[in-house]
Each structure stands twice: as C-alpha cells, then as structure tokens.
C-alpha cells in the first residue's frame, strides 16, 4: 500500500462478505480545494464540481490498465452549463464546470442547490481502455445531485446495484472544509441475506461530509457500513488534482487552426492567451510564436509535395 501522510487525500478499496461486496471510500478535500482555487468557483459550483471529481477519482481507480482513462460528462440545461471530469487509474483527476461563477439561491433547508445549478440533462461515462473504441454509457439525470445519478448509471448501464455517497462541505469563507465519498457495490453472486444486511446498514446514515467532519477517515466509513461483514481493506491509494497540459501541447493546438486564422492573429500584432479548460493555466503566444507556427506548417506542406 502507498504511504499516506496525515492530511493527504486518499482512497481505500475493500471487499466484504467474502467478495460479495466491493467498496471504495475517499477523502478529497485537497484536490477539490485546488480545483476551487484554479477555477475560482462559486460555492454551488465548488460543491457540484467537487462531487463529480470525487466520483471520478473513485471510478478511475476501478480501472486496471496503466493507460486507462475515464471521463464523466454532464450536459444539462442548468446555469452551471455542464461539468466535465477526467480521471486515470492512478488516482489523479481533473475537471471543470461550464460556468464556474454560477450563483443561485440555497434550498429552503440552507443547503447548496446543486441540482438547481445542474438542471436536467444527461450523464455520459466514457472509459478509454486502449481498445479500438472507448466504452461509453449514457443516462438521463434523475436528480442532478450527482450521487443519485452515478448510482442510477451503475444500475442501468453496468447492471451493478450500488450505493453512492458524495459530499462537499464549505467553510464560511467558501474554502473547502471537507470533501469525499463512497461507492458500495453488490457483486453478481451476492446472496439475499447480504443484500438485506447492506440495505439495513444504509438506513439513516449521516452524510459523507458529516462523517468526515466528525473525524472519520475513509476506512472508518467503510467499517461503519461493512465492519461486521468480514471487511478486508485491499488498497490505499493517494489522490490528487493533476493536469497533463503543457505549453507544447497547447502550442500544437493553436498551430493546428486554419492558416487564415493564424495570419489574422499575426496581423493583429497582439499576444494571444490560451487557457486550459481543465486547470485554467494560461499560455501566452507572441506574434513571433504564431509566425513560427505558420512557417512550420508551410515547411510540412513542402515536404509532403
């Protein structure tokens, strides 16, 4: 198991009931706070993005291949204008909201109205496992609260009965106080008594953030549900917000636009700034940089002739 330092984000994987249940729990406070800072998200955008980042981190760790990639994409009609998260199998995740500064009224109970910000639409899950075509599944959002939608996705698209909990708790100054989640899944051979026992355990459970804020670690959350069902912790893995963008990648993207557009930007005589959607890092290119891109394009065309 990887070394986890106090205060680090991490995920715990486990089996219970003789392999009839597989389980994951994570604390993601730091990576959600990094996303909040990078995108300067409003409170409700922080909560929505944080939930999807947490789900992505856990679902990414379900994959086995070193190069496997997972994308969670919400396309919906709410004012947050959708959410996109990408994760790998090593515990790194990145993501962004369409509208990071969305502001809407809280619910009558004072909680952030994530479903109101998300709206009605679809959740698409894409797994790129290095095959010819990525695996893709899509469902209609049933609540926009994200955890319920992920639960519904597992049931409909993967025929895996699951319970998903996701949460983000903010401080008064809107920084992230707690964030995390859990996924509990019944395997195909689960016995009726195992199913009934798990359903009973899930009744009246406190929210994920209440458990984390009360001092519970991911292991404690899993023991809360599965401690008397022969719980076996199989792995602990660090989690982090990480983007693989670079100046060279962005340069290639800019250089691939039409020659007319490149020449118009050069004629404008001003630097251009391009920001990465996922991490909001800004890359600046001067007119001379753009001229070099044009020359490279022309050189390639000559070679091809």
Protein backbone atom coordinates (compact mmCIF):
# COMPACT_ATOMS: atom_id res chain seq x y z
CA UNK A 1 0.00 0.00 0.00
CA UNK A 2 1.21 3.52 -0.80
CA UNK A 3 2.33 5.70 2.09
CA UNK A 4 -0.35 8.20 3.05
CA UNK A 5 0.65 11.21 5.14
CA UNK A 6 -1.74 12.87 7.62
CA UNK A 7 -3.99 15.30 5.77
CA UNK A 8 -3.46 13.73 2.35
CA UNK A 9 -6.30 12.89 0.01
CA UNK A 10 -6.63 9.15 -0.47
CA UNK A 11 -8.89 6.31 -1.45
CA UNK A 12 -9.46 3.00 0.30
CA UNK A 13 -10.58 -0.08 -1.65
CA UNK A 14 -12.08 -3.09 0.11
CA UNK A 15 -14.01 -6.34 -0.20
CA UNK A 16 -16.63 -7.65 2.22
CA UNK A 17 -18.93 -10.62 2.73
CA UNK A 18 -16.48 -12.99 1.09
CA UNK A 19 -16.21 -10.88 -2.07
CA UNK A 20 -19.97 -10.34 -2.45
CA UNK A 21 -19.46 -6.59 -1.89
CA UNK A 22 -16.73 -4.31 -3.18
CA UNK A 23 -16.34 -0.91 -1.63
CA UNK A 24 -14.47 2.36 -2.05
CA UNK A 25 -14.25 5.42 0.18
CA UNK A 26 -12.23 8.59 -0.30
CA UNK A 27 -11.35 11.90 1.25
CA UNK A 28 -10.79 14.57 -1.43
CA UNK A 29 -10.63 17.88 0.44
CA UNK A 30 -7.30 19.00 -1.01
CA UNK A 31 -7.97 18.20 -4.65
CA UNK A 32 -11.40 19.85 -4.50
CA UNK A 33 -9.85 22.93 -2.89
CA UNK A 34 -7.22 23.04 -5.65
CA UNK A 35 -9.98 22.88 -8.27
CA UNK A 36 -11.85 25.66 -6.44
CA UNK A 37 -8.77 27.87 -6.48
CA UNK A 38 -7.86 27.13 -10.09
CA UNK A 39 -11.35 27.85 -11.42
CA UNK A 40 -12.36 30.45 -8.80
CA UNK A 41 -15.65 28.59 -8.38
CA UNK A 42 -18.70 29.91 -6.59
CA UNK A 43 -19.93 27.85 -3.60
CA UNK A 44 -22.50 25.86 -5.57
CA UNK A 45 -20.04 25.28 -8.44
CA UNK A 46 -17.45 24.11 -5.90
CA UNK A 47 -19.95 21.61 -4.49
CA UNK A 48 -21.05 20.29 -7.89
CA UNK A 49 -17.54 20.02 -9.32
CA UNK A 50 -16.21 18.56 -6.06
CA UNK A 51 -18.81 15.80 -6.08
CA UNK A 52 -18.05 14.85 -9.68
CA UNK A 53 -14.28 15.00 -9.09
CA UNK A 54 -14.69 12.65 -6.12
CA UNK A 55 -16.81 10.23 -8.14
CA UNK A 56 -14.29 10.38 -10.99
CA UNK A 57 -11.35 9.68 -8.68
CA UNK A 58 -13.05 6.59 -7.23
CA UNK A 59 -14.32 5.29 -10.58
CA UNK A 60 -10.93 5.89 -12.19
CA UNK A 61 -9.30 3.69 -9.56
CA UNK A 62 -11.69 0.87 -10.53
CA UNK A 63 -9.84 0.59 -13.85
CA UNK A 64 -6.82 -1.71 -14.14
CA UNK A 65 -4.71 -0.57 -17.11
CA UNK A 66 -1.92 1.97 -16.64
CA UNK A 67 -3.14 3.99 -19.63
CA UNK A 68 -6.88 3.68 -18.93
CA UNK A 69 -8.83 6.95 -18.83
CA UNK A 70 -12.29 7.78 -17.52
CA UNK A 71 -14.39 10.79 -18.48
CA UNK A 72 -17.58 11.87 -16.70
CA UNK A 73 -19.53 14.48 -18.65
CA UNK A 74 -22.74 16.18 -17.56
CA UNK A 75 -24.61 18.02 -20.30
CA UNK A 76 -27.60 19.81 -18.80
CA UNK A 77 -29.69 22.96 -19.03
CA UNK A 78 -28.87 24.44 -15.62
CA UNK A 79 -26.88 27.67 -15.15
CA UNK A 80 -23.66 25.80 -14.36
CA UNK A 81 -23.60 24.89 -18.09
CA UNK A 82 -22.39 21.33 -17.58
CA UNK A 83 -19.42 19.66 -15.90
CA UNK A 84 -16.52 17.57 -17.22
CA UNK A 85 -14.13 15.40 -15.21
CA UNK A 86 -11.33 13.12 -16.39
CA UNK A 87 -9.51 10.59 -14.20
CA UNK A 88 -6.89 7.91 -14.66
CA UNK A 89 -6.28 4.60 -12.89
CA UNK A 90 -3.53 6.07 -10.69
CA UNK A 91 -5.64 8.37 -8.54
CA UNK A 92 -5.22 11.62 -10.46
CA UNK A 93 -8.22 13.64 -11.59
CA UNK A 94 -9.03 16.97 -13.21
CA UNK A 95 -12.20 18.77 -14.22
CA UNK A 96 -14.07 21.99 -14.82
CA UNK A 97 -17.59 23.49 -14.78
CA UNK A 98 -19.01 25.27 -17.80
CA UNK A 99 -19.86 28.32 -15.68
CA UNK A 100 -17.62 28.44 -12.58
CA UNK A 101 -19.19 31.60 -11.13
CA UNK A 102 -22.83 30.48 -11.12
CA UNK A 103 -24.85 31.87 -8.22
CA UNK A 104 -28.31 30.62 -7.26
CA UNK A 105 -30.36 30.69 -4.07
CA UNK A 106 -29.80 27.96 -1.50
CA UNK A 107 -32.51 25.39 -0.79
CA UNK A 108 -35.08 26.14 1.93
CA UNK A 109 -33.03 23.98 4.33
CA UNK A 110 -29.98 26.18 3.71
CA UNK A 111 -28.05 23.61 1.68
CA UNK A 112 -26.45 24.49 -1.66
CA UNK A 113 -28.81 23.82 -4.56
CA UNK A 114 -26.56 21.61 -6.68
CA UNK A 115 -29.47 20.06 -8.58
CA UNK A 116 -30.79 23.54 -9.40
CA UNK A 117 -27.38 24.57 -10.74
CA UNK A 118 -27.00 21.38 -12.79
CA UNK A 119 -30.54 21.19 -14.19
CA UNK A 120 -31.97 18.48 -16.44
CA UNK A 121 -29.84 16.61 -18.94
CA UNK A 122 -27.55 13.61 -19.32
CA UNK A 123 -24.57 11.96 -17.68
CA UNK A 124 -22.13 10.28 -20.06
CA UNK A 125 -19.43 7.92 -18.79
CA UNK A 126 -16.59 7.15 -21.22
CA UNK A 127 -13.91 4.58 -20.44
CA UNK A 128 -10.93 4.56 -22.79
CA UNK A 129 -9.30 1.18 -22.15
CA UNK A 130 -6.94 1.28 -25.11
CA UNK A 131 -9.30 -0.65 -27.39
CA UNK A 132 -10.39 0.44 -30.87
CA UNK A 133 -13.44 2.21 -29.46
CA UNK A 134 -13.90 3.60 -25.93
CA UNK A 135 -16.74 2.14 -23.86
CA UNK A 136 -19.50 4.72 -23.45
CA UNK A 137 -22.70 4.70 -21.43
CA UNK A 138 -25.26 7.46 -21.01
CA UNK A 139 -28.25 8.03 -18.73
CA UNK A 140 -30.75 10.79 -18.16
CA UNK A 141 -30.04 12.67 -14.95
CA UNK A 142 -32.58 11.64 -12.34
CA UNK A 143 -31.87 14.36 -9.76
CA UNK A 144 -28.85 16.46 -10.70
CA UNK A 145 -27.47 15.85 -7.21
CA UNK A 146 -24.75 13.70 -8.87
CA UNK A 147 -24.52 10.86 -6.30
CA UNK A 148 -28.01 9.63 -7.19
CA UNK A 149 -27.20 9.99 -10.88
CA UNK A 150 -24.00 7.92 -10.55
CA UNK A 151 -25.98 5.28 -8.61
CA UNK A 152 -28.55 5.17 -11.41
CA UNK A 153 -25.78 4.92 -14.03
CA UNK A 154 -24.26 1.87 -12.34
CA UNK A 155 -27.67 0.18 -12.13
CA UNK A 156 -28.76 0.90 -15.72
CA UNK A 157 -25.56 0.91 -17.76
CA UNK A 158 -23.46 -1.60 -15.83
CA UNK A 159 -26.19 -3.67 -14.15
CA UNK A 160 -24.34 -3.26 -10.83
CA UNK A 161 -26.54 -2.41 -7.82
CA UNK A 162 -24.66 0.34 -5.99
CA UNK A 163 -24.94 2.92 -3.26
CA UNK A 164 -23.03 6.14 -3.89
CA UNK A 165 -22.46 8.95 -1.43
CA UNK A 166 -20.72 12.21 -2.37
CA UNK A 167 -20.31 15.39 -0.42
CA UNK A 168 -18.57 18.77 -0.24
CA UNK A 169 -18.70 20.99 2.86
CA UNK A 170 -17.55 24.62 2.68
CA UNK A 171 -16.17 26.96 5.32
CA UNK A 172 -17.76 30.38 5.85
CA UNK A 173 -15.13 31.95 3.57
CA UNK A 174 -16.13 29.38 0.90
CA UNK A 175 -12.92 27.32 1.06
CA UNK A 176 -13.34 23.55 1.21
CA UNK A 177 -13.77 22.20 4.74
CA UNK A 178 -14.44 18.55 3.82
CA UNK A 179 -14.98 16.55 0.65
CA UNK A 180 -15.23 12.85 -0.04
CA UNK A 181 -17.42 9.95 -0.96
CA UNK A 182 -18.07 6.24 -1.01
CA UNK A 183 -19.23 3.62 -3.51
CA UNK A 184 -20.61 0.28 -2.29
CA UNK A 185 -21.37 -2.33 -4.95
CA UNK A 186 -23.06 -5.72 -4.86
CA UNK A 187 -21.38 -8.37 -6.95
CA UNK A 188 -23.46 -10.70 -9.18
CA UNK A 189 -23.22 -13.58 -6.69
CA UNK A 190 -24.45 -11.56 -3.69
CA UNK A 191 -26.86 -13.56 -1.53
CA UNK A 192 -30.24 -12.20 -0.48
CA UNK A 193 -29.17 -12.01 3.17
CA UNK A 194 -26.10 -9.96 2.17
CA UNK A 195 -28.27 -7.55 0.18
CA UNK A 196 -30.73 -7.21 3.07
CA UNK A 197 -27.92 -6.64 5.59
CA UNK A 198 -26.36 -3.89 3.46
CA UNK A 199 -29.71 -2.18 2.89
CA UNK A 200 -30.26 -2.13 6.65
CA UNK A 201 -26.81 -0.59 7.20
CA UNK A 202 -27.57 2.19 4.74
CA UNK A 203 -30.71 3.31 6.54
CA UNK A 204 -30.40 6.57 8.41
CA UNK A 205 -26.71 7.06 7.56
CA UNK A 206 -25.22 10.50 8.13
CA UNK A 207 -23.95 12.39 5.10
CA UNK A 208 -20.41 11.81 3.90
CA UNK A 209 -19.30 15.27 5.00
CA UNK A 210 -20.85 14.81 8.46
CA UNK A 211 -18.85 11.62 8.88
CA UNK A 212 -15.63 13.22 7.64
CA UNK A 213 -16.18 16.37 9.71
CA UNK A 214 -16.77 14.17 12.73
CA UNK A 215 -13.25 12.82 12.37
CA UNK A 216 -13.95 9.65 10.41
CA UNK A 217 -11.36 8.52 7.86
CA UNK A 218 -12.30 6.61 4.68
CA UNK A 219 -11.51 3.35 6.49
CA UNK A 220 -13.90 4.31 9.30
CA UNK A 221 -16.67 4.98 6.79
CA UNK A 222 -16.26 1.51 5.30
CA UNK A 223 -16.17 -0.07 8.77
CA UNK A 224 -19.35 1.86 9.57
CA UNK A 225 -21.09 0.03 6.74
CA UNK A 226 -19.25 -3.26 6.49
CA UNK A 227 -17.30 -3.79 9.71
CA UNK A 228 -19.35 -6.84 10.72
CA UNK A 229 -19.28 -8.34 7.21
CA UNK A 230 -15.66 -9.52 7.13
CA UNK A 231 -14.36 -6.27 5.68
CA UNK A 232 -10.94 -6.63 4.05
CA UNK A 233 -9.05 -3.46 3.08
CA UNK A 234 -7.24 -4.29 -0.16
CA UNK A 235 -5.58 -0.98 -1.07
CA UNK A 236 -4.93 2.59 0.00
CA UNK A 237 -4.05 4.99 -2.80
CA UNK A 238 -3.21 8.72 -2.76
CA UNK A 239 -5.45 11.01 -4.81
CA UNK A 240 -4.56 14.34 -6.42
CA UNK A 241 -5.77 17.00 -8.84
CA UNK A 242 -3.36 16.87 -11.75
CA UNK A 243 -3.49 18.17 -15.31
CA UNK A 244 -1.19 16.93 -18.07
CA UNK A 245 -1.44 20.06 -20.19
CA UNK A 246 1.79 21.74 -21.30
CA UNK A 247 2.89 24.71 -23.36
CA UNK A 248 3.91 22.37 -26.18
CA UNK A 249 0.51 20.65 -26.28
CA UNK A 250 -1.31 23.99 -26.34
CA UNK A 251 1.14 25.28 -28.97
CA UNK A 252 0.30 22.32 -31.21
CA UNK A 253 -3.41 23.00 -30.76
CA UNK A 254 -3.01 26.68 -31.66
CA UNK A 255 -0.81 25.78 -34.62
CA UNK A 256 -3.48 23.43 -35.96
CA UNK A 257 -6.09 26.14 -36.55
CA UNK A 258 -6.66 27.40 -40.08
CA UNK A 259 -3.87 29.35 -41.79
CA UNK A 260 -6.26 32.25 -42.32
CA UNK A 261 -6.93 32.48 -38.57
CA UNK A 262 -3.22 32.32 -37.76
CA UNK A 263 -2.43 35.10 -40.23
CA UNK A 264 -5.26 37.25 -38.84
CA UNK A 265 -3.87 36.86 -35.33
CA UNK A 266 -0.40 37.77 -36.56
CA UNK A 267 -1.75 40.86 -38.37
CA UNK A 268 -3.47 41.91 -35.13
CA UNK A 269 0.01 42.28 -33.64
CA UNK A 270 -1.00 41.27 -30.12
CA UNK A 271 -0.12 38.38 -27.86
CA UNK A 272 -2.82 35.74 -27.54
CA UNK A 273 -3.63 33.90 -24.32
CA UNK A 274 -5.00 30.36 -24.30
CA UNK A 275 -6.26 28.75 -21.11
CA UNK A 276 -6.52 25.02 -20.39
CA UNK A 277 -10.17 24.14 -19.65
CA UNK A 278 -9.21 21.59 -17.01
CA UNK A 279 -6.73 23.51 -14.85
CA UNK A 280 -7.15 27.13 -16.03
CA UNK A 281 -3.41 27.50 -16.67
CA UNK A 282 -2.80 30.35 -19.14
CA UNK A 283 -0.31 30.07 -22.00
CA UNK A 284 0.75 33.19 -23.92
CA UNK A 285 1.95 33.23 -27.54
CA UNK A 286 3.50 36.26 -29.22
CA UNK A 287 3.07 37.23 -32.88
CA UNK A 288 6.57 35.80 -33.45
CA UNK A 289 5.43 32.48 -31.95
CA UNK A 290 2.49 32.48 -34.36
CA UNK A 291 4.77 33.27 -37.31
CA UNK A 292 6.92 30.29 -36.36
CA UNK A 293 3.81 28.09 -36.40
CA UNK A 294 2.94 29.31 -39.90
CA UNK A 295 6.48 28.60 -41.11
CA UNK A 296 6.32 25.07 -39.65
CA UNK A 297 3.01 24.45 -41.43
CA UNK A 298 4.43 25.67 -44.73
CA UNK A 299 7.54 23.52 -44.27
CA UNK A 300 5.42 20.42 -43.71
CA UNK A 301 3.41 21.16 -46.83
CA UNK A 302 6.64 21.40 -48.88
CA UNK A 303 7.85 18.08 -47.52
CA UNK A 304 4.55 16.44 -48.46
CA UNK A 305 4.71 17.74 -52.05
